Amino acid sequence: MDIPARTAIQFTHRLGALVITLVLASAAVSAWRSRRHLARRAAGLVLASLGAQLIIGISMVLRGFPLWLATAHSAGAACLLMATVALNRALRPTA
């Protein structure tokens, strides 16, 4: 790909990451304030996973996108997805 296309992809990824960070952080903080034990635990997992993703993402840029960090970033995305699903499940009303 040419440089403008790669730049557009990186910009879109970072913009999406910013939006997702704000949404997930606000949802996790809101869930953290609840009295439900499982919701608080899941919120902590979301915040920890989100922090790890941000650190790995910034490290990738600073180190020139090494493959091992890109792989860690993908694995972190899977962990963040699982933590978000766990938070969603913990916040569902019980029947």
PDB file of N, CA and C in Angstrom:
ATOM      1  N   MET A   1       0.839  -1.189   0.000  1.00  0.00           N
ATOM      2  CA  MET A   1       0.000   0.000   0.000  1.00  0.00           C
ATOM      3  C   MET A   1       0.880   1.246   0.000  1.00  0.00           C
ATOM      4  N   ASP A   2       0.336   2.291  -0.551  1.00  0.00           N
ATOM      5  CA  ASP A   2       1.091   3.541  -0.554  1.00  0.00           C
ATOM      6  C   ASP A   2       0.944   4.249   0.795  1.00  0.00           C
ATOM      7  N   ILE A   3       1.759   5.253   1.001  1.00  0.00           N
ATOM      8  CA  ILE A   3       1.830   5.923   2.306  1.00  0.00           C
ATOM      9  C   ILE A   3       0.513   6.595   2.707  1.00  0.00           C
ATOM     10  N   PRO A   4      -0.187   7.306   1.804  1.00  0.00           N
ATOM     11  CA  PRO A   4      -1.458   7.911   2.240  1.00  0.00           C
ATOM     12  C   PRO A   4      -2.491   6.885   2.699  1.00  0.00           C
ATOM     13  N   ALA A   5      -2.524   5.732   2.068  1.00  0.00           N
ATOM     14  CA  ALA A   5      -3.484   4.695   2.482  1.00  0.00           C
ATOM     15  C   ALA A   5      -3.125   4.158   3.857  1.00  0.00           C
ATOM     16  N   ARG A   6      -1.854   3.919   4.104  1.00  0.00           N
ATOM     17  CA  ARG A   6      -1.431   3.430   5.415  1.00  0.00           C
ATOM     18  C   ARG A   6      -1.679   4.477   6.493  1.00  0.00           C
ATOM     19  N   THR A   7      -1.467   5.738   6.144  1.00  0.00           N
ATOM     20  CA  THR A   7      -1.724   6.823   7.090  1.00  0.00           C
ATOM     21  C   THR A   7      -3.201   6.893   7.436  1.00  0.00           C
ATOM     22  N   ALA A   8      -4.061   6.727   6.441  1.00  0.00           N
ATOM     23  CA  ALA A   8      -5.506   6.753   6.681  1.00  0.00           C
ATOM     24  C   ALA A   8      -5.934   5.597   7.573  1.00  0.00           C
ATOM     25  N   ILE A   9      -5.348   4.434   7.358  1.00  0.00           N
ATOM     26  CA  ILE A   9      -5.678   3.277   8.195  1.00  0.00           C
ATOM     27  C   ILE A   9      -5.256   3.533   9.634  1.00  0.00           C
ATOM     28  N   GLN A  10      -4.049   4.043   9.839  1.00  0.00           N
ATOM     29  CA  GLN A  10      -3.561   4.312  11.188  1.00  0.00           C
ATOM     30  C   GLN A  10      -4.401   5.384  11.882  1.00  0.00           C
ATOM     31  N   PHE A  11      -4.761   6.429  11.144  1.00  0.00           N
ATOM     32  CA  PHE A  11      -5.574   7.492  11.723  1.00  0.00           C
ATOM     33  C   PHE A  11      -6.938   6.951  12.146  1.00  0.00           C
ATOM     34  N   THR A  12      -7.569   6.151  11.274  1.00  0.00           N
ATOM     35  CA  THR A  12      -8.874   5.577  11.581  1.00  0.00           C
ATOM     36  C   THR A  12      -8.789   4.647  12.788  1.00  0.00           C
ATOM     37  N   HIS A  13      -7.732   3.858  12.853  1.00  0.00           N
ATOM     38  CA  HIS A  13      -7.554   2.948  13.985  1.00  0.00           C
ATOM     39  C   HIS A  13      -7.409   3.725  15.290  1.00  0.00           C
ATOM     40  N   ARG A  14      -6.631   4.772  15.277  1.00  0.00           N
ATOM     41  CA  ARG A  14      -6.420   5.570  16.496  1.00  0.00           C
ATOM     42  C   ARG A  14      -7.676   6.322  16.901  1.00  0.00           C
ATOM     43  N   LEU A  15      -8.417   6.830  15.925  1.00  0.00           N
ATOM     44  CA  LEU A  15      -9.672   7.510  16.232  1.00  0.00           C
ATOM     45  C   LEU A  15     -10.681   6.529  16.829  1.00  0.00           C
ATOM     46  N   GLY A  16     -10.779   5.345  16.230  1.00  0.00           N
ATOM     47  CA  GLY A  16     -11.664   4.309  16.775  1.00  0.00           C
ATOM     48  C   GLY A  16     -11.238   3.890  18.167  1.00  0.00           C
ATOM     49  N   ALA A  17      -9.925   3.776  18.375  1.00  0.00           N
ATOM     50  CA  ALA A  17      -9.415   3.403  19.695  1.00  0.00           C
ATOM     51  C   ALA A  17      -9.782   4.457  20.736  1.00  0.00           C
ATOM     52  N   LEU A  18      -9.719   5.718  20.355  1.00  0.00           N
ATOM     53  CA  LEU A  18     -10.090   6.788  21.284  1.00  0.00           C
ATOM     54  C   LEU A  18     -11.566   6.701  21.654  1.00  0.00           C
ATOM     55  N   VAL A  19     -12.417   6.489  20.682  1.00  0.00           N
ATOM     56  CA  VAL A  19     -13.862   6.388  20.943  1.00  0.00           C
ATOM     57  C   VAL A  19     -14.155   5.178  21.829  1.00  0.00           C
ATOM     58  N   ILE A  20     -13.576   4.036  21.481  1.00  0.00           N
ATOM     59  CA  ILE A  20     -13.803   2.818  22.257  1.00  0.00           C
ATOM     60  C   ILE A  20     -13.265   2.969  23.677  1.00  0.00           C
ATOM     61  N   THR A  21     -12.119   3.618  23.827  1.00  0.00           N
ATOM     62  CA  THR A  21     -11.552   3.840  25.150  1.00  0.00           C
ATOM     63  C   THR A  21     -12.510   4.654  26.012  1.00  0.00           C
ATOM     64  N   LEU A  22     -13.046   5.721  25.461  1.00  0.00           N
ATOM     65  CA  LEU A  22     -13.973   6.557  26.223  1.00  0.00           C
ATOM     66  C   LEU A  22     -15.244   5.804  26.598  1.00  0.00           C
ATOM     67  N   VAL A  23     -15.792   5.050  25.655  1.00  0.00           N
ATOM     68  CA  VAL A  23     -17.032   4.312  25.913  1.00  0.00           C
ATOM     69  C   VAL A  23     -16.805   3.207  26.943  1.00  0.00           C
ATOM     70  N   LEU A  24     -15.756   2.395  26.742  1.00  0.00           N
ATOM     71  CA  LEU A  24     -15.512   1.292  27.672  1.00  0.00           C
ATOM     72  C   LEU A  24     -15.102   1.786  29.059  1.00  0.00           C
ATOM     73  N   ALA A  25     -14.308   2.841  29.111  1.00  0.00           N
ATOM     74  CA  ALA A  25     -13.904   3.370  30.418  1.00  0.00           C
ATOM     75  C   ALA A  25     -15.111   3.907  31.180  1.00  0.00           C
ATOM     76  N   SER A  26     -15.993   4.623  30.498  1.00  0.00           N
ATOM     77  CA  SER A  26     -17.172   5.153  31.188  1.00  0.00           C
ATOM     78  C   SER A  26     -18.105   4.019  31.615  1.00  0.00           C
ATOM     79  N   ALA A  27     -18.252   2.992  30.789  1.00  0.00           N
ATOM     80  CA  ALA A  27     -19.099   1.855  31.167  1.00  0.00           C
ATOM     81  C   ALA A  27     -18.496   1.109  32.346  1.00  0.00           C
ATOM     82  N   ALA A  28     -17.173   0.924  32.336  1.00  0.00           N
ATOM     83  CA  ALA A  28     -16.525   0.201  33.424  1.00  0.00           C
ATOM     84  C   ALA A  28     -16.585   0.988  34.728  1.00  0.00           C
ATOM     85  N   VAL A  29     -16.376   2.279  34.657  1.00  0.00           N
ATOM     86  CA  VAL A  29     -16.449   3.100  35.872  1.00  0.00           C
ATOM     87  C   VAL A  29     -17.872   3.102  36.417  1.00  0.00           C
ATOM     88  N   SER A  30     -18.842   3.179  35.527  1.00  0.00           N
ATOM     89  CA  SER A  30     -20.236   3.128  35.962  1.00  0.00           C
ATOM     90  C   SER A  30     -20.562   1.785  36.615  1.00  0.00           C
ATOM     91  N   ALA A  31     -20.074   0.705  36.027  1.00  0.00           N
ATOM     92  CA  ALA A  31     -20.315  -0.621  36.602  1.00  0.00           C
ATOM     93  C   ALA A  31     -19.551  -0.788  37.910  1.00  0.00           C
ATOM     94  N   TRP A  32     -18.389  -0.193  38.003  1.00  0.00           N
ATOM     95  CA  TRP A  32     -17.572  -0.288  39.222  1.00  0.00           C
ATOM     96  C   TRP A  32     -18.319   0.306  40.417  1.00  0.00           C
ATOM     97  N   ARG A  33     -19.116   1.326  40.151  1.00  0.00           N
ATOM     98  CA  ARG A  33     -19.862   1.988  41.229  1.00  0.00           C
ATOM     99  C   ARG A  33     -21.071   1.181  41.696  1.00  0.00           C
ATOM    100  N   SER A  34     -21.426   0.146  40.956  1.00  0.00           N
ATOM    101  CA  SER A  34     -22.581  -0.666  41.362  1.00  0.00           C
ATOM    102  C   SER A  34     -22.208  -1.528  42.563  1.00  0.00           C
ATOM    103  N   ARG A  35     -23.201  -2.097  43.174  1.00  0.00           N
ATOM    104  CA  ARG A  35     -22.961  -2.928  44.352  1.00  0.00           C
ATOM    105  C   ARG A  35     -22.806  -4.407  43.988  1.00  0.00           C
ATOM    106  N   ARG A  36     -22.912  -4.726  42.715  1.00  0.00           N
ATOM    107  CA  ARG A  36     -22.798  -6.116  42.284  1.00  0.00           C
ATOM    108  C   ARG A  36     -21.330  -6.524  42.238  1.00  0.00           C
ATOM    109  N   HIS A  37     -21.022  -7.604  42.926  1.00  0.00           N
ATOM    110  CA  HIS A  37     -19.643  -8.078  43.006  1.00  0.00           C
ATOM    111  C   HIS A  37     -19.109  -8.486  41.635  1.00  0.00           C
ATOM    112  N   LEU A  38     -19.893  -9.244  40.875  1.00  0.00           N
ATOM    113  CA  LEU A  38     -19.435  -9.700  39.559  1.00  0.00           C
ATOM    114  C   LEU A  38     -19.252  -8.534  38.590  1.00  0.00           C
ATOM    115  N   ALA A  39     -20.115  -7.537  38.680  1.00  0.00           N
ATOM    116  CA  ALA A  39     -19.984  -6.367  37.810  1.00  0.00           C
ATOM    117  C   ALA A  39     -18.710  -5.593  38.145  1.00  0.00           C
ATOM    118  N   ARG A  40     -18.409  -5.473  39.418  1.00  0.00           N
ATOM    119  CA  ARG A  40     -17.176  -4.781  39.812  1.00  0.00           C
ATOM    120  C   ARG A  40     -15.940  -5.533  39.339  1.00  0.00           C
ATOM    121  N   ARG A  41     -15.967  -6.849  39.452  1.00  0.00           N
ATOM    122  CA  ARG A  41     -14.836  -7.663  39.001  1.00  0.00           C
ATOM    123  C   ARG A  41     -14.665  -7.541  37.482  1.00  0.00           C
ATOM    124  N   ALA A  42     -15.758  -7.633  36.746  1.00  0.00           N
ATOM    125  CA  ALA A  42     -15.695  -7.521  35.285  1.00  0.00           C
ATOM    126  C   ALA A  42     -15.250  -6.123  34.869  1.00  0.00           C
ATOM    127  N   ALA A  43     -15.701  -5.109  35.590  1.00  0.00           N
ATOM    128  CA  ALA A  43     -15.276  -3.736  35.287  1.00  0.00           C
ATOM    129  C   ALA A  43     -13.777  -3.585  35.493  1.00  0.00           C
ATOM    130  N   GLY A  44     -13.257  -4.189  36.547  1.00  0.00           N
ATOM    131  CA  GLY A  44     -11.814  -4.168  36.778  1.00  0.00           C
ATOM    132  C   GLY A  44     -11.050  -4.848  35.658  1.00  0.00           C
ATOM    133  N   LEU A  45     -11.578  -5.964  35.166  1.00  0.00           N
ATOM    134  CA  LEU A  45     -10.949  -6.660  34.036  1.00  0.00           C
ATOM    135  C   LEU A  45     -10.949  -5.800  32.774  1.00  0.00           C
ATOM    136  N   VAL A  46     -12.062  -5.114  32.532  1.00  0.00           N
ATOM    137  CA  VAL A  46     -12.143  -4.232  31.364  1.00  0.00           C
ATOM    138  C   VAL A  46     -11.115  -3.120  31.483  1.00  0.00           C
ATOM    139  N   LEU A  47     -11.037  -2.492  32.641  1.00  0.00           N
ATOM    140  CA  LEU A  47     -10.082  -1.395  32.816  1.00  0.00           C
ATOM    141  C   LEU A  47      -8.638  -1.867  32.702  1.00  0.00           C
ATOM    142  N   ALA A  48      -8.341  -3.034  33.258  1.00  0.00           N
ATOM    143  CA  ALA A  48      -6.984  -3.577  33.159  1.00  0.00           C
ATOM    144  C   ALA A  48      -6.636  -3.929  31.713  1.00  0.00           C
ATOM    145  N   SER A  49      -7.571  -4.568  31.021  1.00  0.00           N
ATOM    146  CA  SER A  49      -7.346  -4.929  29.616  1.00  0.00           C
ATOM    147  C   SER A  49      -7.208  -3.683  28.744  1.00  0.00           C
ATOM    148  N   LEU A  50      -8.024  -2.700  29.019  1.00  0.00           N
ATOM    149  CA  LEU A  50      -7.967  -1.450  28.263  1.00  0.00           C
ATOM    150  C   LEU A  50      -6.633  -0.750  28.485  1.00  0.00           C
ATOM    151  N   GLY A  51      -6.174  -0.709  29.720  1.00  0.00           N
ATOM    152  CA  GLY A  51      -4.874  -0.109  30.012  1.00  0.00           C
ATOM    153  C   GLY A  51      -3.738  -0.839  29.323  1.00  0.00           C
ATOM    154  N   ALA A  52      -3.789  -2.175  29.338  1.00  0.00           N
ATOM    155  CA  ALA A  52      -2.758  -2.960  28.661  1.00  0.00           C
ATOM    156  C   ALA A  52      -2.764  -2.688  27.158  1.00  0.00           C
ATOM    157  N   GLN A  53      -3.950  -2.610  26.571  1.00  0.00           N
ATOM    158  CA  GLN A  53      -4.048  -2.332  25.136  1.00  0.00           C
ATOM    159  C   GLN A  53      -3.453  -0.962  24.796  1.00  0.00           C
ATOM    160  N   LEU A  54      -3.746   0.015  25.614  1.00  0.00           N
ATOM    161  CA  LEU A  54      -3.217   1.358  25.354  1.00  0.00           C
ATOM    162  C   LEU A  54      -1.694   1.381  25.467  1.00  0.00           C
ATOM    163  N   ILE A  55      -1.166   0.716  26.475  1.00  0.00           N
ATOM    164  CA  ILE A  55       0.290   0.674  26.650  1.00  0.00           C
ATOM    165  C   ILE A  55       0.954  -0.055  25.484  1.00  0.00           C
ATOM    166  N   ILE A  56       0.380  -1.192  25.084  1.00  0.00           N
ATOM    167  CA  ILE A  56       0.949  -1.942  23.959  1.00  0.00           C
ATOM    168  C   ILE A  56       0.854  -1.127  22.668  1.00  0.00           C
ATOM    169  N   GLY A  57      -0.281  -0.478  22.451  1.00  0.00           N
ATOM    170  CA  GLY A  57      -0.454   0.324  21.233  1.00  0.00           C
ATOM    171  C   GLY A  57       0.533   1.470  21.148  1.00  0.00           C
ATOM    172  N   ILE A  58       0.735   2.164  22.248  1.00  0.00           N
ATOM    173  CA  ILE A  58       1.704   3.266  22.265  1.00  0.00           C
ATOM    174  C   ILE A  58       3.121   2.728  22.079  1.00  0.00           C
ATOM    175  N   SER A  59       3.412   1.597  22.718  1.00  0.00           N
ATOM    176  CA  SER A  59       4.735   0.987  22.563  1.00  0.00           C
ATOM    177  C   SER A  59       5.006   0.583  21.119  1.00  0.00           C
ATOM    178  N   MET A  60       3.971   0.112  20.440  1.00  0.00           N
ATOM    179  CA  MET A  60       4.139  -0.263  19.031  1.00  0.00           C
ATOM    180  C   MET A  60       4.585   0.928  18.191  1.00  0.00           C
ATOM    181  N   VAL A  61       3.941   2.055  18.399  1.00  0.00           N
ATOM    182  CA  VAL A  61       4.288   3.254  17.627  1.00  0.00           C
ATOM    183  C   VAL A  61       5.714   3.708  17.955  1.00  0.00           C
ATOM    184  N   LEU A  62       6.047   3.710  19.230  1.00  0.00           N
ATOM    185  CA  LEU A  62       7.372   4.176  19.636  1.00  0.00           C
ATOM    186  C   LEU A  62       8.495   3.253  19.169  1.00  0.00           C
ATOM    187  N   ARG A  63       8.213   1.969  19.035  1.00  0.00           N
ATOM    188  CA  ARG A  63       9.238   1.002  18.655  1.00  0.00           C
ATOM    189  C   ARG A  63       9.219   0.629  17.173  1.00  0.00           C
ATOM    190  N   GLY A  64       8.343   1.241  16.398  1.00  0.00           N
ATOM    191  CA  GLY A  64       8.334   0.986  14.958  1.00  0.00           C
ATOM    192  C   GLY A  64       7.570  -0.259  14.542  1.00  0.00           C
ATOM    193  N   PHE A  65       6.541  -0.622  15.264  1.00  0.00           N
ATOM    194  CA  PHE A  65       5.630  -1.719  14.925  1.00  0.00           C
ATOM    195  C   PHE A  65       6.315  -3.079  14.779  1.00  0.00           C
ATOM    196  N   PRO A  66       7.046  -3.536  15.802  1.00  0.00           N
ATOM    197  CA  PRO A  66       7.627  -4.876  15.706  1.00  0.00           C
ATOM    198  C   PRO A  66       6.529  -5.950  15.740  1.00  0.00           C
ATOM    199  N   LEU A  67       6.805  -7.066  15.097  1.00  0.00           N
ATOM    200  CA  LEU A  67       5.819  -8.137  14.972  1.00  0.00           C
ATOM    201  C   LEU A  67       5.369  -8.679  16.327  1.00  0.00           C
ATOM    202  N   TRP A  68       6.294  -8.813  17.268  1.00  0.00           N
ATOM    203  CA  TRP A  68       5.915  -9.380  18.559  1.00  0.00           C
ATOM    204  C   TRP A  68       4.956  -8.461  19.317  1.00  0.00           C
ATOM    205  N   LEU A  69       5.112  -7.164  19.162  1.00  0.00           N
ATOM    206  CA  LEU A  69       4.166  -6.246  19.811  1.00  0.00           C
ATOM    207  C   LEU A  69       2.828  -6.220  19.075  1.00  0.00           C
ATOM    208  N   ALA A  70       2.860  -6.349  17.761  1.00  0.00           N
ATOM    209  CA  ALA A  70       1.610  -6.420  16.997  1.00  0.00           C
ATOM    210  C   ALA A  70       0.816  -7.660  17.394  1.00  0.00           C
ATOM    211  N   THR A  71       1.521  -8.765  17.613  1.00  0.00           N
ATOM    212  CA  THR A  71       0.865  -9.991  18.061  1.00  0.00           C
ATOM    213  C   THR A  71       0.298  -9.811  19.461  1.00  0.00           C
ATOM    214  N   ALA A  72       1.047  -9.163  20.340  1.00  0.00           N
ATOM    215  CA  ALA A  72       0.555  -8.892  21.693  1.00  0.00           C
ATOM    216  C   ALA A  72      -0.664  -7.971  21.653  1.00  0.00           C
ATOM    217  N   HIS A  73      -0.672  -7.030  20.728  1.00  0.00           N
ATOM    218  CA  HIS A  73      -1.804  -6.113  20.593  1.00  0.00           C
ATOM    219  C   HIS A  73      -3.055  -6.872  20.144  1.00  0.00           C
ATOM    220  N   SER A  74      -2.895  -7.822  19.252  1.00  0.00           N
ATOM    221  CA  SER A  74      -4.025  -8.646  18.814  1.00  0.00           C
ATOM    222  C   SER A  74      -4.526  -9.531  19.948  1.00  0.00           C
ATOM    223  N   ALA A  75      -3.609 -10.110  20.707  1.00  0.00           N
ATOM    224  CA  ALA A  75      -4.010 -10.927  21.853  1.00  0.00           C
ATOM    225  C   ALA A  75      -4.699 -10.061  22.908  1.00  0.00           C
ATOM    226  N   GLY A  76      -4.203  -8.853  23.097  1.00  0.00           N
ATOM    227  CA  GLY A  76      -4.837  -7.929  24.036  1.00  0.00           C
ATOM    228  C   GLY A  76      -6.243  -7.554  23.605  1.00  0.00           C
ATOM    229  N   ALA A  77      -6.438  -7.430  22.293  1.00  0.00           N
ATOM    230  CA  ALA A  77      -7.777  -7.130  21.781  1.00  0.00           C
ATOM    231  C   ALA A  77      -8.743  -8.270  22.106  1.00  0.00           C
ATOM    232  N   ALA A  78      -8.269  -9.508  21.996  1.00  0.00           N
ATOM    233  CA  ALA A  78      -9.104 -10.658  22.343  1.00  0.00           C
ATOM    234  C   ALA A  78      -9.444 -10.647  23.833  1.00  0.00           C
ATOM    235  N   CYS A  79      -8.468 -10.329  24.663  1.00  0.00           N
ATOM    236  CA  CYS A  79      -8.711 -10.236  26.113  1.00  0.00           C
ATOM    237  C   CYS A  79      -9.693  -9.120  26.434  1.00  0.00           C
ATOM    238  N   LEU A  80      -9.554  -7.994  25.770  1.00  0.00           N
ATOM    239  CA  LEU A  80     -10.468  -6.873  25.989  1.00  0.00           C
ATOM    240  C   LEU A  80     -11.888  -7.245  25.560  1.00  0.00           C
ATOM    241  N   LEU A  81     -12.009  -7.955  24.460  1.00  0.00           N
ATOM    242  CA  LEU A  81     -13.328  -8.409  24.020  1.00  0.00           C
ATOM    243  C   LEU A  81     -13.952  -9.353  25.047  1.00  0.00           C
ATOM    244  N   MET A  82     -13.168 -10.294  25.547  1.00  0.00           N
ATOM    245  CA  MET A  82     -13.697 -11.224  26.550  1.00  0.00           C
ATOM    246  C   MET A  82     -14.090 -10.498  27.833  1.00  0.00           C
ATOM    247  N   ALA A  83     -13.300  -9.525  28.245  1.00  0.00           N
ATOM    248  CA  ALA A  83     -13.625  -8.760  29.450  1.00  0.00           C
ATOM    249  C   ALA A  83     -14.899  -7.943  29.240  1.00  0.00           C
ATOM    250  N   THR A  84     -15.077  -7.401  28.045  1.00  0.00           N
ATOM    251  CA  THR A  84     -16.277  -6.625  27.742  1.00  0.00           C
ATOM    252  C   THR A  84     -17.515  -7.522  27.729  1.00  0.00           C
ATOM    253  N   VAL A  85     -17.378  -8.709  27.168  1.00  0.00           N
ATOM    254  CA  VAL A  85     -18.491  -9.669  27.191  1.00  0.00           C
ATOM    255  C   VAL A  85     -18.823 -10.063  28.630  1.00  0.00           C
ATOM    256  N   ALA A  86     -17.791 -10.275  29.445  1.00  0.00           N
ATOM    257  CA  ALA A  86     -18.021 -10.607  30.851  1.00  0.00           C
ATOM    258  C   ALA A  86     -18.737  -9.470  31.573  1.00  0.00           C
ATOM    259  N   LEU A  87     -18.360  -8.231  31.281  1.00  0.00           N
ATOM    260  CA  LEU A  87     -19.034  -7.084  31.898  1.00  0.00           C
ATOM    261  C   LEU A  87     -20.488  -7.015  31.449  1.00  0.00           C
ATOM    262  N   ASN A  88     -20.715  -7.228  30.174  1.00  0.00           N
ATOM    263  CA  ASN A  88     -22.082  -7.222  29.651  1.00  0.00           C
ATOM    264  C   ASN A  88     -22.913  -8.303  30.340  1.00  0.00           C
ATOM    265  N   ARG A  89     -22.340  -9.473  30.503  1.00  0.00           N
ATOM    266  CA  ARG A  89     -23.047 -10.580  31.149  1.00  0.00           C
ATOM    267  C   ARG A  89     -23.301 -10.281  32.632  1.00  0.00           C
ATOM    268  N   ALA A  90     -22.338  -9.667  33.291  1.00  0.00           N
ATOM    269  CA  ALA A  90     -22.506  -9.353  34.711  1.00  0.00           C
ATOM    270  C   ALA A  90     -23.567  -8.293  34.947  1.00  0.00           C
ATOM    271  N   LEU A  91     -23.791  -7.440  33.960  1.00  0.00           N
ATOM    272  CA  LEU A  91     -24.776  -6.367  34.126  1.00  0.00           C
ATOM    273  C   LEU A  91     -26.179  -6.767  33.695  1.00  0.00           C
ATOM    274  N   ARG A  92     -26.305  -7.931  33.081  1.00  0.00           N
ATOM    275  CA  ARG A  92     -27.638  -8.380  32.659  1.00  0.00           C
ATOM    276  C   ARG A  92     -28.481  -8.683  33.895  1.00  0.00           C
ATOM    277  N   PRO A  93     -29.751  -8.326  33.839  1.00  0.00           N
ATOM    278  CA  PRO A  93     -30.615  -8.662  34.982  1.00  0.00           C
ATOM    279  C   PRO A  93     -30.815 -10.176  35.073  1.00  0.00           C
ATOM    280  N   THR A  94     -30.825 -10.658  36.282  1.00  0.00           N
ATOM    281  CA  THR A  94     -31.035 -12.101  36.480  1.00  0.00           C
ATOM    282  C   THR A  94     -32.523 -12.410  36.441  1.00  0.00           C
ATOM    283  N   ALA A  95     -32.825 -13.558  35.912  1.00  0.00           N
ATOM    284  CA  ALA A  95     -34.239 -13.933  35.768  1.00  0.00           C
ATOM    285  C   ALA A  95     -34.762 -14.617  37.000  1.00  0.00           C
TER     286      ALA A  95
END
